C-alpha atoms as a PDB file:
ATOM      1  CA  MET A   1    -111.425 -95.122 -79.658  1.00  0.00           C
ATOM      2  CA  ALA A   2    -108.879 -92.710 -81.078  1.00  0.00           C
ATOM      3  CA  SER A   3    -110.080 -89.794 -83.110  1.00  0.00           C
ATOM      4  CA  GLY A   4    -108.063 -90.778 -86.168  1.00  0.00           C
ATOM      5  CA  SER A   5    -105.963 -87.603 -86.091  1.00  0.00           C
ATOM      6  CA  ASP A   6    -102.333 -87.752 -87.198  1.00  0.00           C
ATOM      7  CA  GLU A   7    -101.278 -87.378 -83.555  1.00  0.00           C
ATOM      8  CA  GLY A   8    -103.023 -90.624 -82.615  1.00  0.00           C
ATOM      9  CA  MET A   9    -101.801 -92.693 -85.542  1.00  0.00           C
ATOM     10  CA  GLY A  10     -98.280 -93.552 -84.450  1.00  0.00           C
ATOM     11  CA  GLY A  11     -97.150 -96.856 -83.025  1.00  0.00           C
ATOM     12  CA  LEU A  12     -99.579 -99.131 -84.835  1.00  0.00           C
ATOM     13  CA  ASN A  13     -98.709-102.802 -85.083  1.00  0.00           C
ATOM     14  CA  VAL A  14    -100.743-104.121 -88.005  1.00  0.00           C
ATOM     15  CA  VAL A  15    -101.178-107.529 -89.620  1.00  0.00           C
ATOM     16  CA  LEU A  16    -102.594-107.576 -93.158  1.00  0.00           C
ATOM     17  CA  LEU A  17    -104.478-110.640 -94.378  1.00  0.00           C
ATOM     18  CA  GLY A  18    -106.260-111.241 -97.656  1.00  0.00           C
ATOM     19  CA  ALA A  19    -106.852-113.872-100.299  1.00  0.00           C
ATOM     20  CA  PRO A  20    -105.062-113.816-103.664  1.00  0.00           C
ATOM     21  CA  GLY A  21    -106.638-111.003-105.674  1.00  0.00           C
ATOM     22  CA  ALA A  22    -108.035-109.144-102.654  1.00  0.00           C
ATOM     23  CA  GLY A  23    -105.758-106.161-103.329  1.00  0.00           C
ATOM     24  CA  LYS A  24    -103.284-106.753-100.530  1.00  0.00           C
ATOM     25  CA  GLY A  25    -100.346-105.206-102.388  1.00  0.00           C
ATOM     26  CA  THR A  26    -102.173-101.943-103.010  1.00  0.00           C
ATOM     27  CA  GLN A  27    -103.422-101.630 -99.440  1.00  0.00           C
ATOM     28  CA  ALA A  28    -100.055-102.627 -97.948  1.00  0.00           C
ATOM     29  CA  GLN A  29     -98.439 -99.714 -99.776  1.00  0.00           C
ATOM     30  CA  LEU A  30    -101.175 -97.378 -98.553  1.00  0.00           C
ATOM     31  CA  ILE A  31    -100.817 -98.445 -94.909  1.00  0.00           C
ATOM     32  CA  LYS A  32     -97.020 -98.306 -95.076  1.00  0.00           C
ATOM     33  CA  ASP A  33     -97.022 -94.788 -96.497  1.00  0.00           C
ATOM     34  CA  ARG A  34     -99.917 -93.360 -94.471  1.00  0.00           C
ATOM     35  CA  PHE A  35     -98.674 -94.551 -91.091  1.00  0.00           C
ATOM     36  CA  ASP A  36     -94.945 -94.551 -91.887  1.00  0.00           C
ATOM     37  CA  LEU A  37     -94.514 -98.221 -90.965  1.00  0.00           C
ATOM     38  CA  PRO A  38     -91.810-100.696 -91.978  1.00  0.00           C
ATOM     39  CA  HIS A  39     -93.419-103.173 -94.414  1.00  0.00           C
ATOM     40  CA  ILE A  40     -92.465-106.681 -93.321  1.00  0.00           C
ATOM     41  CA  ALA A  41     -93.127-109.468 -95.833  1.00  0.00           C
ATOM     42  CA  THR A  42     -92.023-112.872 -94.597  1.00  0.00           C
ATOM     43  CA  GLY A  43     -90.446-113.950 -97.888  1.00  0.00           C
ATOM     44  CA  ASP A  44     -88.260-110.836 -97.919  1.00  0.00           C
ATOM     45  CA  ILE A  45     -87.080-111.122 -94.320  1.00  0.00           C
ATOM     46  CA  LEU A  46     -86.467-114.858 -94.670  1.00  0.00           C
ATOM     47  CA  ARG A  47     -84.140-114.222 -97.617  1.00  0.00           C
ATOM     48  CA  ALA A  48     -82.492-111.342 -95.750  1.00  0.00           C
ATOM     49  CA  ALA A  49     -81.862-113.484 -92.665  1.00  0.00           C
ATOM     50  CA  VAL A  50     -80.322-116.224 -94.812  1.00  0.00           C
ATOM     51  CA  ALA A  51     -78.130-113.705 -96.656  1.00  0.00           C
ATOM     52  CA  ALA A  52     -77.025-112.104 -93.377  1.00  0.00           C
ATOM     53  CA  GLY A  53     -76.111-115.476 -91.893  1.00  0.00           C
ATOM     54  CA  THR A  54     -78.023-114.884 -88.653  1.00  0.00           C
ATOM     55  CA  GLU A  55     -78.553-117.822 -86.297  1.00  0.00           C
ATOM     56  CA  VAL A  56     -82.173-118.344 -87.376  1.00  0.00           C
ATOM     57  CA  GLY A  57     -81.234-117.535 -90.966  1.00  0.00           C
ATOM     58  CA  LEU A  58     -78.770-120.420 -90.962  1.00  0.00           C
ATOM     59  CA  ARG A  59     -81.430-122.698 -89.490  1.00  0.00           C
ATOM     60  CA  ALA A  60     -83.809-121.666 -92.276  1.00  0.00           C
ATOM     61  CA  LYS A  61     -81.114-122.180 -94.914  1.00  0.00           C
ATOM     62  CA  ALA A  62     -80.576-125.770 -93.778  1.00  0.00           C
ATOM     63  CA  TYR A  63     -84.205-126.571 -94.628  1.00  0.00           C
ATOM     64  CA  MET A  64     -84.236-124.515 -97.829  1.00  0.00           C
ATOM     65  CA  ASP A  65     -81.082-126.222 -99.128  1.00  0.00           C
ATOM     66  CA  LYS A  66     -82.854-129.569 -98.767  1.00  0.00           C
ATOM     67  CA  GLY A  67     -85.923-128.253-100.568  1.00  0.00           C
ATOM     68  CA  GLU A  68     -88.016-128.509 -97.412  1.00  0.00           C
ATOM     69  CA  LEU A  69     -90.498-126.018 -95.983  1.00  0.00           C
ATOM     70  CA  VAL A  70     -89.055-123.842 -93.229  1.00  0.00           C
ATOM     71  CA  PRO A  71     -90.810-124.838 -89.959  1.00  0.00           C
ATOM     72  CA  ASP A  72     -93.167-122.399 -88.274  1.00  0.00           C
ATOM     73  CA  GLU A  73     -90.924-121.906 -85.255  1.00  0.00           C
ATOM     74  CA  VAL A  74     -88.032-120.772 -87.459  1.00  0.00           C
ATOM     75  CA  VAL A  75     -90.211-118.371 -89.482  1.00  0.00           C
ATOM     76  CA  VAL A  76     -91.705-116.957 -86.260  1.00  0.00           C
ATOM     77  CA  ALA A  77     -88.213-116.473 -84.803  1.00  0.00           C
ATOM     78  CA  ILE A  78     -87.158-114.541 -87.915  1.00  0.00           C
ATOM     79  CA  VAL A  79     -90.321-112.390 -87.749  1.00  0.00           C
ATOM     80  CA  ALA A  80     -89.752-111.743 -84.044  1.00  0.00           C
ATOM     81  CA  ASP A  81     -86.142-110.705 -84.649  1.00  0.00           C
ATOM     82  CA  ARG A  82     -87.309-108.312 -87.363  1.00  0.00           C
ATOM     83  CA  ILE A  83     -90.051-106.610 -85.336  1.00  0.00           C
ATOM     84  CA  ALA A  84     -87.596-106.200 -82.439  1.00  0.00           C
ATOM     85  CA  GLU A  85     -85.339-104.003 -84.595  1.00  0.00           C
ATOM     86  CA  ASP A  86     -85.106-100.278 -83.911  1.00  0.00           C
ATOM     87  CA  ASP A  87     -87.095 -99.178 -86.958  1.00  0.00           C
ATOM     88  CA  CYS A  88     -90.116-101.125 -85.651  1.00  0.00           C
ATOM     89  CA  ALA A  89     -90.196 -99.336 -82.285  1.00  0.00           C
ATOM     90  CA  ASP A  90     -92.962 -97.040 -83.534  1.00  0.00           C
ATOM     91  CA  GLY A  91     -94.999 -99.740 -85.243  1.00  0.00           C
ATOM     92  CA  TRP A  92     -94.859-102.222 -88.124  1.00  0.00           C
ATOM     93  CA  LEU A  93     -96.913-103.764 -90.904  1.00  0.00           C
ATOM     94  CA  LEU A  94     -96.718-107.554 -91.128  1.00  0.00           C
ATOM     95  CA  ASP A  95     -97.912-108.661 -94.548  1.00  0.00           C
ATOM     96  CA  GLY A  96     -99.454-112.097 -95.029  1.00  0.00           C
ATOM     97  CA  PHE A  97     -98.237-113.659 -91.796  1.00  0.00           C
ATOM     98  CA  PRO A  98     -99.345-115.451 -89.690  1.00  0.00           C
ATOM     99  CA  ARG A  99    -101.312-117.712 -92.040  1.00  0.00           C
ATOM    100  CA  THR A 100    -102.463-120.359 -89.578  1.00  0.00           C
ATOM    101  CA  VAL A 101    -103.614-120.501 -85.950  1.00  0.00           C
ATOM    102  CA  PRO A 102    -100.430-122.285 -84.772  1.00  0.00           C
ATOM    103  CA  GLN A 103     -98.340-119.542 -86.397  1.00  0.00           C
ATOM    104  CA  ALA A 104    -100.463-116.872 -84.682  1.00  0.00           C
ATOM    105  CA  GLU A 105    -100.116-118.584 -81.310  1.00  0.00           C
ATOM    106  CA  ALA A 106     -96.349-118.895 -81.736  1.00  0.00           C
ATOM    107  CA  LEU A 107     -96.083-115.243 -82.769  1.00  0.00           C
ATOM    108  CA  ASP A 108     -98.081-114.092 -79.723  1.00  0.00           C
ATOM    109  CA  ARG A 109     -95.881-116.162 -77.404  1.00  0.00           C
ATOM    110  CA  THR A 110     -92.694-114.789 -78.926  1.00  0.00           C
ATOM    111  CA  ILE A 111     -93.937-111.196 -78.751  1.00  0.00           C
ATOM    112  CA  ALA A 112     -94.740-111.726 -75.063  1.00  0.00           C
ATOM    113  CA  GLU A 113     -91.375-113.386 -74.351  1.00  0.00           C
ATOM    114  CA  LYS A 114     -89.522-110.463 -75.938  1.00  0.00           C
ATOM    115  CA  SER A 115     -91.777-107.935 -74.135  1.00  0.00           C
ATOM    116  CA  LEU A 116     -92.761-106.388 -77.470  1.00  0.00           C
ATOM    117  CA  LYS A 117     -95.941-104.409 -78.052  1.00  0.00           C
ATOM    118  CA  PRO A 118     -98.701-106.793 -79.225  1.00  0.00           C
ATOM    119  CA  ILE A 119    -100.703-106.626 -82.443  1.00  0.00           C
ATOM    120  CA  ASP A 120    -103.096-103.649 -82.481  1.00  0.00           C
ATOM    121  CA  CYS A 121    -105.138-104.508 -85.547  1.00  0.00           C
ATOM    122  CA  VAL A 122    -105.532-107.307 -88.066  1.00  0.00           C
ATOM    123  CA  VAL A 123    -106.824-105.891 -91.347  1.00  0.00           C
ATOM    124  CA  TYR A 124    -108.630-108.653 -93.206  1.00  0.00           C
ATOM    125  CA  LEU A 125    -109.542-107.876 -96.797  1.00  0.00           C
ATOM    126  CA  SER A 126    -112.747-109.842 -97.346  1.00  0.00           C
ATOM    127  CA  ILE A 127    -113.883-110.542-100.897  1.00  0.00           C
ATOM    128  CA  THR A 128    -116.165-113.014-102.658  1.00  0.00           C
ATOM    129  CA  ALA A 129    -114.729-115.756-104.821  1.00  0.00           C
ATOM    130  CA  GLU A 130    -116.511-114.479-107.914  1.00  0.00           C
ATOM    131  CA  ALA A 131    -115.113-110.968-107.454  1.00  0.00           C
ATOM    132  CA  VAL A 132    -111.597-112.405-107.246  1.00  0.00           C
ATOM    133  CA  VAL A 133    -112.173-114.592-110.306  1.00  0.00           C
ATOM    134  CA  GLU A 134    -113.341-111.525-112.216  1.00  0.00           C
ATOM    135  CA  ARG A 135    -110.296-109.519-111.143  1.00  0.00           C
ATOM    136  CA  LEU A 136    -107.644-112.144-111.729  1.00  0.00           C
ATOM    137  CA  SER A 137    -109.060-113.716-114.881  1.00  0.00           C
ATOM    138  CA  GLY A 138    -108.833-110.288-116.519  1.00  0.00           C
ATOM    139  CA  ARG A 139    -105.193-109.862-115.551  1.00  0.00           C
ATOM    140  CA  ARG A 140    -102.547-109.994-118.282  1.00  0.00           C
ATOM    141  CA  VAL A 141     -98.789-109.696-117.951  1.00  0.00           C
ATOM    142  CA  CYS A 142     -95.867-109.021-120.242  1.00  0.00           C
ATOM    143  CA  PRO A 143     -93.724-112.198-120.413  1.00  0.00           C
ATOM    144  CA  ASN A 144     -90.598-110.168-121.183  1.00  0.00           C
ATOM    145  CA  THR A 145     -88.575-110.607-117.980  1.00  0.00           C
ATOM    146  CA  GLU A 146     -86.950-107.195-118.440  1.00  0.00           C
ATOM    147  CA  CYS A 147     -90.385-105.544-118.538  1.00  0.00           C
ATOM    148  CA  GLY A 148     -93.042-107.482-116.607  1.00  0.00           C
ATOM    149  CA  ALA A 149     -95.757-104.843-117.048  1.00  0.00           C
ATOM    150  CA  ALA A 150     -99.219-105.818-115.767  1.00  0.00           C
ATOM    151  CA  TYR A 151    -102.619-105.033-117.276  1.00  0.00           C
ATOM    152  CA  ASN A 152    -106.296-105.846-116.833  1.00  0.00           C
ATOM    153  CA  VAL A 153    -108.481-106.292-119.892  1.00  0.00           C
ATOM    154  CA  GLU A 154    -111.401-104.579-118.149  1.00  0.00           C
ATOM    155  CA  THR A 155    -109.911-101.912-115.910  1.00  0.00           C
ATOM    156  CA  MET A 156    -106.428-101.233-117.308  1.00  0.00           C
ATOM    157  CA  PRO A 157    -106.093-102.538-120.881  1.00  0.00           C
ATOM    158  CA  PRO A 158    -103.041-101.844-123.047  1.00  0.00           C
ATOM    159  CA  LYS A 159    -103.378 -99.164-125.717  1.00  0.00           C
ATOM    160  CA  ALA A 160    -103.182-101.790-128.477  1.00  0.00           C
ATOM    161  CA  GLU A 161    -105.123-104.978-127.775  1.00  0.00           C
ATOM    162  CA  GLY A 162    -102.849-107.802-126.652  1.00  0.00           C
ATOM    163  CA  ILE A 163     -99.639-105.749-126.932  1.00  0.00           C
ATOM    164  CA  CYS A 164     -97.503-104.398-124.074  1.00  0.00           C
ATOM    165  CA  ASP A 165     -97.365-100.591-124.052  1.00  0.00           C
ATOM    166  CA  ARG A 166     -93.795-100.570-122.789  1.00  0.00           C
ATOM    167  CA  CYS A 167     -91.940-103.054-124.970  1.00  0.00           C
ATOM    168  CA  GLY A 168     -94.332-104.259-127.686  1.00  0.00           C
ATOM    169  CA  THR A 169     -94.324-107.903-126.555  1.00  0.00           C
ATOM    170  CA  GLY A 170     -97.583-109.884-126.747  1.00  0.00           C
ATOM    171  CA  ILE A 171     -99.147-109.994-123.264  1.00  0.00           C
ATOM    172  CA  ILE A 172    -100.327-113.282-121.749  1.00  0.00           C
ATOM    173  CA  GLN A 173    -102.639-114.715-119.113  1.00  0.00           C
ATOM    174  CA  ARG A 174    -100.743-116.654-116.457  1.00  0.00           C
ATOM    175  CA  ASP A 175    -101.962-120.174-115.776  1.00  0.00           C
ATOM    176  CA  ASP A 176    -102.684-119.363-112.134  1.00  0.00           C
ATOM    177  CA  ASP A 177    -104.979-116.503-113.218  1.00  0.00           C
ATOM    178  CA  LYS A 178    -107.326-118.811-115.122  1.00  0.00           C
ATOM    179  CA  PRO A 179    -110.796-119.081-113.471  1.00  0.00           C
ATOM    180  CA  ASP A 180    -110.632-122.736-112.380  1.00  0.00           C
ATOM    181  CA  THR A 181    -107.155-122.290-110.913  1.00  0.00           C
ATOM    182  CA  VAL A 182    -108.192-119.084-109.120  1.00  0.00           C
ATOM    183  CA  ARG A 183    -111.153-120.870-107.517  1.00  0.00           C
ATOM    184  CA  GLN A 184    -108.876-123.685-106.354  1.00  0.00           C
ATOM    185  CA  ARG A 185    -106.381-121.216-104.867  1.00  0.00           C
ATOM    186  CA  LEU A 186    -109.201-119.443-103.032  1.00  0.00           C
ATOM    187  CA  GLU A 187    -110.584-122.689-101.647  1.00  0.00           C
ATOM    188  CA  THR A 188    -107.147-123.586-100.296  1.00  0.00           C
ATOM    189  CA  TYR A 189    -106.742-120.123 -98.784  1.00  0.00           C
ATOM    190  CA  GLU A 190    -110.141-120.198 -97.076  1.00  0.00           C
ATOM    191  CA  LYS A 191    -109.537-123.634 -95.560  1.00  0.00           C
ATOM    192  CA  ARG A 192    -106.228-122.495 -94.161  1.00  0.00           C
ATOM    193  CA  THR A 193    -107.201-119.076 -92.833  1.00  0.00           C
ATOM    194  CA  SER A 194    -110.864-119.243 -91.738  1.00  0.00           C
ATOM    195  CA  ALA A 195    -109.931-120.381 -88.214  1.00  0.00           C
ATOM    196  CA  LEU A 196    -107.222-117.687 -88.053  1.00  0.00           C
ATOM    197  CA  VAL A 197    -109.703-114.943 -88.961  1.00  0.00           C
ATOM    198  CA  ALA A 198    -112.109-116.277 -86.314  1.00  0.00           C
ATOM    199  CA  ARG A 199    -109.327-116.259 -83.719  1.00  0.00           C
ATOM    200  CA  TYR A 200    -108.489-112.616 -84.313  1.00  0.00           C
ATOM    201  CA  ARG A 201    -112.182-111.713 -84.376  1.00  0.00           C
ATOM    202  CA  ASP A 202    -112.635-113.360 -80.967  1.00  0.00           C
ATOM    203  CA  ALA A 203    -109.577-111.476 -79.706  1.00  0.00           C
ATOM    204  CA  GLY A 204    -111.211-108.180 -80.668  1.00  0.00           C
ATOM    205  CA  VAL A 205    -108.435-107.019 -83.005  1.00  0.00           C
ATOM    206  CA  LEU A 206    -109.951-107.941 -86.386  1.00  0.00           C
ATOM    207  CA  ALA A 207    -110.996-105.213 -88.820  1.00  0.00           C
ATOM    208  CA  GLU A 208    -112.866-106.940 -91.632  1.00  0.00           C
ATOM    209  CA  ILE A 209    -112.788-104.725 -94.718  1.00  0.00           C
ATOM    210  CA  GLN A 210    -114.968-105.304 -97.747  1.00  0.00           C
ATOM    211  CA  ALA A 211    -112.381-105.449-100.534  1.00  0.00           C
ATOM    212  CA  GLU A 212    -114.772-105.116-103.459  1.00  0.00           C
ATOM    213  CA  GLY A 213    -114.952-101.780-105.255  1.00  0.00           C
ATOM    214  CA  THR A 214    -112.216 -99.494-106.500  1.00  0.00           C
ATOM    215  CA  PRO A 215    -108.812 -99.435-104.752  1.00  0.00           C
ATOM    216  CA  GLU A 216    -109.657 -95.904-103.577  1.00  0.00           C
ATOM    217  CA  GLU A 217    -112.940 -97.043-102.000  1.00  0.00           C
ATOM    218  CA  VAL A 218    -111.201 -99.918-100.230  1.00  0.00           C
ATOM    219  CA  SER A 219    -108.447 -97.571 -99.054  1.00  0.00           C
ATOM    220  CA  GLU A 220    -111.029 -95.260 -97.462  1.00  0.00           C
ATOM    221  CA  ARG A 221    -112.427 -98.204 -95.495  1.00  0.00           C
ATOM    222  CA  VAL A 222    -108.967 -99.314 -94.382  1.00  0.00           C
ATOM    223  CA  LEU A 223    -107.967 -95.835 -93.224  1.00  0.00           C
ATOM    224  CA  ALA A 224    -111.259 -95.361 -91.380  1.00  0.00           C
ATOM    225  CA  GLU A 225    -110.679 -98.591 -89.430  1.00  0.00           C
ATOM    226  CA  LEU A 226    -107.033 -97.918 -88.624  1.00  0.00           C
ATOM    227  CA  GLY A 227    -107.776 -94.313 -87.705  1.00  0.00           C
ATOM    228  CA  SER A 228    -110.116 -95.548 -84.992  1.00  0.00           C
ATOM    229  CA  VAL A 229    -107.624 -97.928 -83.372  1.00  0.00           C
ATOM    230  CA  GLU A 230    -106.557 -96.706 -79.972  1.00  0.00           C
END
């Protein structure tokens, strides 16, 4: 295993997986900054491909215009085009994709066909349902679309209870942050991704990180795992 020195940290190809509320956004920013990797989120690159009018972007647009889900093979083609770009030559961070075993298999095939460097590490942020419920049910947001500030009643409350610090609007709890809805979202996520996590574990590239604790504690675990990847 690598020593974890700066010299050995270049060229990492990383996939980041985690349930809603696992802290994926925070850790994605950490990995991106620490390893100087392009952060590739599928929603962003899908919109970019459509806007650029690329061949696969136009294929995706045809489905989107009809209100249909973009098929896996089109999404994988867009991801493959993105990771083949020059700024990904020294590594990349793929955020939240693949989400299913068929997507993972298609991605592996496409990487091989394009003779690209394969995935080095899949960082899976593992967290209990109750910990996620506690995190998300405490979340509050400012409904003012020009502000959108986020708070947590336990860990990051506003200075005045129920009032946004920035604009003075009353903060709200989103419907999808309510406990019953959070549990349902988690159940759906687990059903969809459990086989994917097992696949990457069997392939020897899974780094399962306990995502409970402070963001700083989780970050230490993530960096320790990635620092040891050859």
